[in-house]
Amino acid sequence: MSVKAASVASVTFYLDGHKLRTLSAKNAHNGQLRITIGTAKLRLGAHKLVAKITMVGSPKPAAVTRSLTVVRCASPFVAPRFTG
């Protein structure tokens, strides 16, 4: 998941309600604040990734939330052919 770094003070990423990482504007690379999730380590099923974005430039810090659902499916099980 990535967020444009323009006018952003910080972004906090959560996966299923657990805090993963907080990135600030100084962590931006090519104008993006980005996090990579290794889906192989997730359990099967749906997982919610949330980015809580704190904007800069207003008297009261404004917060915006963006979410994304990631689904990890089971590998298809192929039964061997009966050979008799």
C-alpha atoms as a PDB file:
ATOM      1  CA  MET A   1       0.000   0.000   0.000  1.00  0.00           C
ATOM      2  CA  SER A   2       1.326   3.443  -0.805  1.00  0.00           C
ATOM      3  CA  VAL A   3       0.266   7.009  -0.017  1.00  0.00           C
ATOM      4  CA  LYS A   4       1.411  10.194  -1.771  1.00  0.00           C
ATOM      5  CA  ALA A   5       3.663  12.170   0.551  1.00  0.00           C
ATOM      6  CA  ALA A   6       2.454  15.653  -0.480  1.00  0.00           C
ATOM      7  CA  SER A   7       1.013  17.537   2.549  1.00  0.00           C
ATOM      8  CA  VAL A   8       1.317  14.457   4.772  1.00  0.00           C
ATOM      9  CA  ALA A   9       2.902  14.672   8.214  1.00  0.00           C
ATOM     10  CA  SER A  10       2.756  10.945   8.994  1.00  0.00           C
ATOM     11  CA  VAL A  11       1.043   7.690   8.057  1.00  0.00           C
ATOM     12  CA  THR A  12       0.404   4.825  10.475  1.00  0.00           C
ATOM     13  CA  PHE A  13      -0.320   1.421   8.953  1.00  0.00           C
ATOM     14  CA  TYR A  14      -2.452  -1.192  10.741  1.00  0.00           C
ATOM     15  CA  LEU A  15      -3.125  -4.811   9.748  1.00  0.00           C
ATOM     16  CA  ASP A  16      -6.191  -6.371  11.400  1.00  0.00           C
ATOM     17  CA  GLY A  17      -6.065  -3.701  14.122  1.00  0.00           C
ATOM     18  CA  HIS A  18      -2.376  -4.231  14.945  1.00  0.00           C
ATOM     19  CA  LYS A  19       0.028  -1.359  14.349  1.00  0.00           C
ATOM     20  CA  LEU A  20       2.682  -2.234  11.777  1.00  0.00           C
ATOM     21  CA  ARG A  21       4.686   0.931  11.181  1.00  0.00           C
ATOM     22  CA  THR A  22       4.536   4.733  11.280  1.00  0.00           C
ATOM     23  CA  LEU A  23       6.164   6.625   8.421  1.00  0.00           C
ATOM     24  CA  SER A  24       6.786  10.375   8.268  1.00  0.00           C
ATOM     25  CA  ALA A  25       7.469  12.683   5.342  1.00  0.00           C
ATOM     26  CA  LYS A  26      11.224  12.134   5.694  1.00  0.00           C
ATOM     27  CA  ASN A  27      10.680   8.409   4.924  1.00  0.00           C
ATOM     28  CA  ALA A  28       9.210   9.218   1.498  1.00  0.00           C
ATOM     29  CA  HIS A  29      10.808   7.665  -1.571  1.00  0.00           C
ATOM     30  CA  ASN A  30       9.908   9.154  -4.966  1.00  0.00           C
ATOM     31  CA  GLY A  31       7.060  11.070  -3.317  1.00  0.00           C
ATOM     32  CA  GLN A  32       5.461   7.931  -1.859  1.00  0.00           C
ATOM     33  CA  LEU A  33       5.102   6.554   1.657  1.00  0.00           C
ATOM     34  CA  ARG A  34       4.983   2.823   1.048  1.00  0.00           C
ATOM     35  CA  ILE A  35       4.723  -0.415   3.016  1.00  0.00           C
ATOM     36  CA  THR A  36       4.993  -3.978   1.723  1.00  0.00           C
ATOM     37  CA  ILE A  37       3.078  -6.843   3.319  1.00  0.00           C
ATOM     38  CA  GLY A  38       4.299 -10.436   2.965  1.00  0.00           C
ATOM     39  CA  THR A  39       1.033 -12.256   2.297  1.00  0.00           C
ATOM     40  CA  ALA A  40       2.626 -15.704   2.656  1.00  0.00           C
ATOM     41  CA  LYS A  41       2.796 -15.138   6.423  1.00  0.00           C
ATOM     42  CA  LEU A  42      -0.899 -14.245   6.718  1.00  0.00           C
ATOM     43  CA  ARG A  43      -3.547 -16.774   7.676  1.00  0.00           C
ATOM     44  CA  LEU A  44      -6.093 -17.801   5.097  1.00  0.00           C
ATOM     45  CA  GLY A  45      -9.037 -15.436   4.713  1.00  0.00           C
ATOM     46  CA  ALA A  46      -9.652 -11.696   4.565  1.00  0.00           C
ATOM     47  CA  HIS A  47      -7.396  -9.156   6.277  1.00  0.00           C
ATOM     48  CA  LYS A  48      -7.912  -5.406   6.609  1.00  0.00           C
ATOM     49  CA  LEU A  49      -5.032  -3.008   5.982  1.00  0.00           C
ATOM     50  CA  VAL A  50      -5.695   0.535   7.236  1.00  0.00           C
ATOM     51  CA  ALA A  51      -3.609   3.674   6.702  1.00  0.00           C
ATOM     52  CA  LYS A  52      -4.282   6.535   9.134  1.00  0.00           C
ATOM     53  CA  ILE A  53      -2.929   9.672   7.489  1.00  0.00           C
ATOM     54  CA  THR A  54      -2.170  12.863   9.435  1.00  0.00           C
ATOM     55  CA  MET A  55      -2.167  15.913   7.176  1.00  0.00           C
ATOM     56  CA  VAL A  56       0.045  18.963   7.664  1.00  0.00           C
ATOM     57  CA  GLY A  57      -0.720  22.608   7.025  1.00  0.00           C
ATOM     58  CA  SER A  58      -3.940  23.087   8.978  1.00  0.00           C
ATOM     59  CA  PRO A  59      -4.224  24.657  12.437  1.00  0.00           C
ATOM     60  CA  LYS A  60      -5.740  21.443  13.778  1.00  0.00           C
ATOM     61  CA  PRO A  61      -4.063  18.284  12.404  1.00  0.00           C
ATOM     62  CA  ALA A  62      -6.545  16.612  10.080  1.00  0.00           C
ATOM     63  CA  ALA A  63      -6.656  12.826   9.978  1.00  0.00           C
ATOM     64  CA  VAL A  64      -7.822  10.733   7.034  1.00  0.00           C
ATOM     65  CA  THR A  65      -8.263   6.959   6.937  1.00  0.00           C
ATOM     66  CA  ARG A  66      -7.846   4.721   3.896  1.00  0.00           C
ATOM     67  CA  SER A  67      -8.474   0.979   4.004  1.00  0.00           C
ATOM     68  CA  LEU A  68      -7.805  -2.014   1.808  1.00  0.00           C
ATOM     69  CA  THR A  69      -8.929  -5.627   2.130  1.00  0.00           C
ATOM     70  CA  VAL A  70      -6.415  -8.360   1.327  1.00  0.00           C
ATOM     71  CA  VAL A  71      -7.667 -11.919   0.793  1.00  0.00           C
ATOM     72  CA  ARG A  72      -5.349 -14.904   1.032  1.00  0.00           C
ATOM     73  CA  CYS A  73      -6.847 -17.974  -0.578  1.00  0.00           C
ATOM     74  CA  ALA A  74      -5.929 -21.591   0.023  1.00  0.00           C
ATOM     75  CA  SER A  75      -3.967 -23.309  -2.688  1.00  0.00           C
ATOM     76  CA  PRO A  76      -6.190 -25.525  -4.800  1.00  0.00           C
ATOM     77  CA  PHE A  77      -6.087 -29.150  -3.669  1.00  0.00           C
ATOM     78  CA  VAL A  78      -5.929 -31.577  -6.543  1.00  0.00           C
ATOM     79  CA  ALA A  79      -6.835 -35.164  -5.684  1.00  0.00           C
ATOM     80  CA  PRO A  80      -4.685 -37.781  -7.382  1.00  0.00           C
ATOM     81  CA  ARG A  81      -6.343 -39.894 -10.050  1.00  0.00           C
ATOM     82  CA  PHE A  82      -7.496 -43.290  -8.956  1.00  0.00           C
ATOM     83  CA  THR A  83      -5.344 -45.855 -10.723  1.00  0.00           C
ATOM     84  CA  GLY A  84      -7.307 -48.926  -9.876  1.00  0.00           C
END
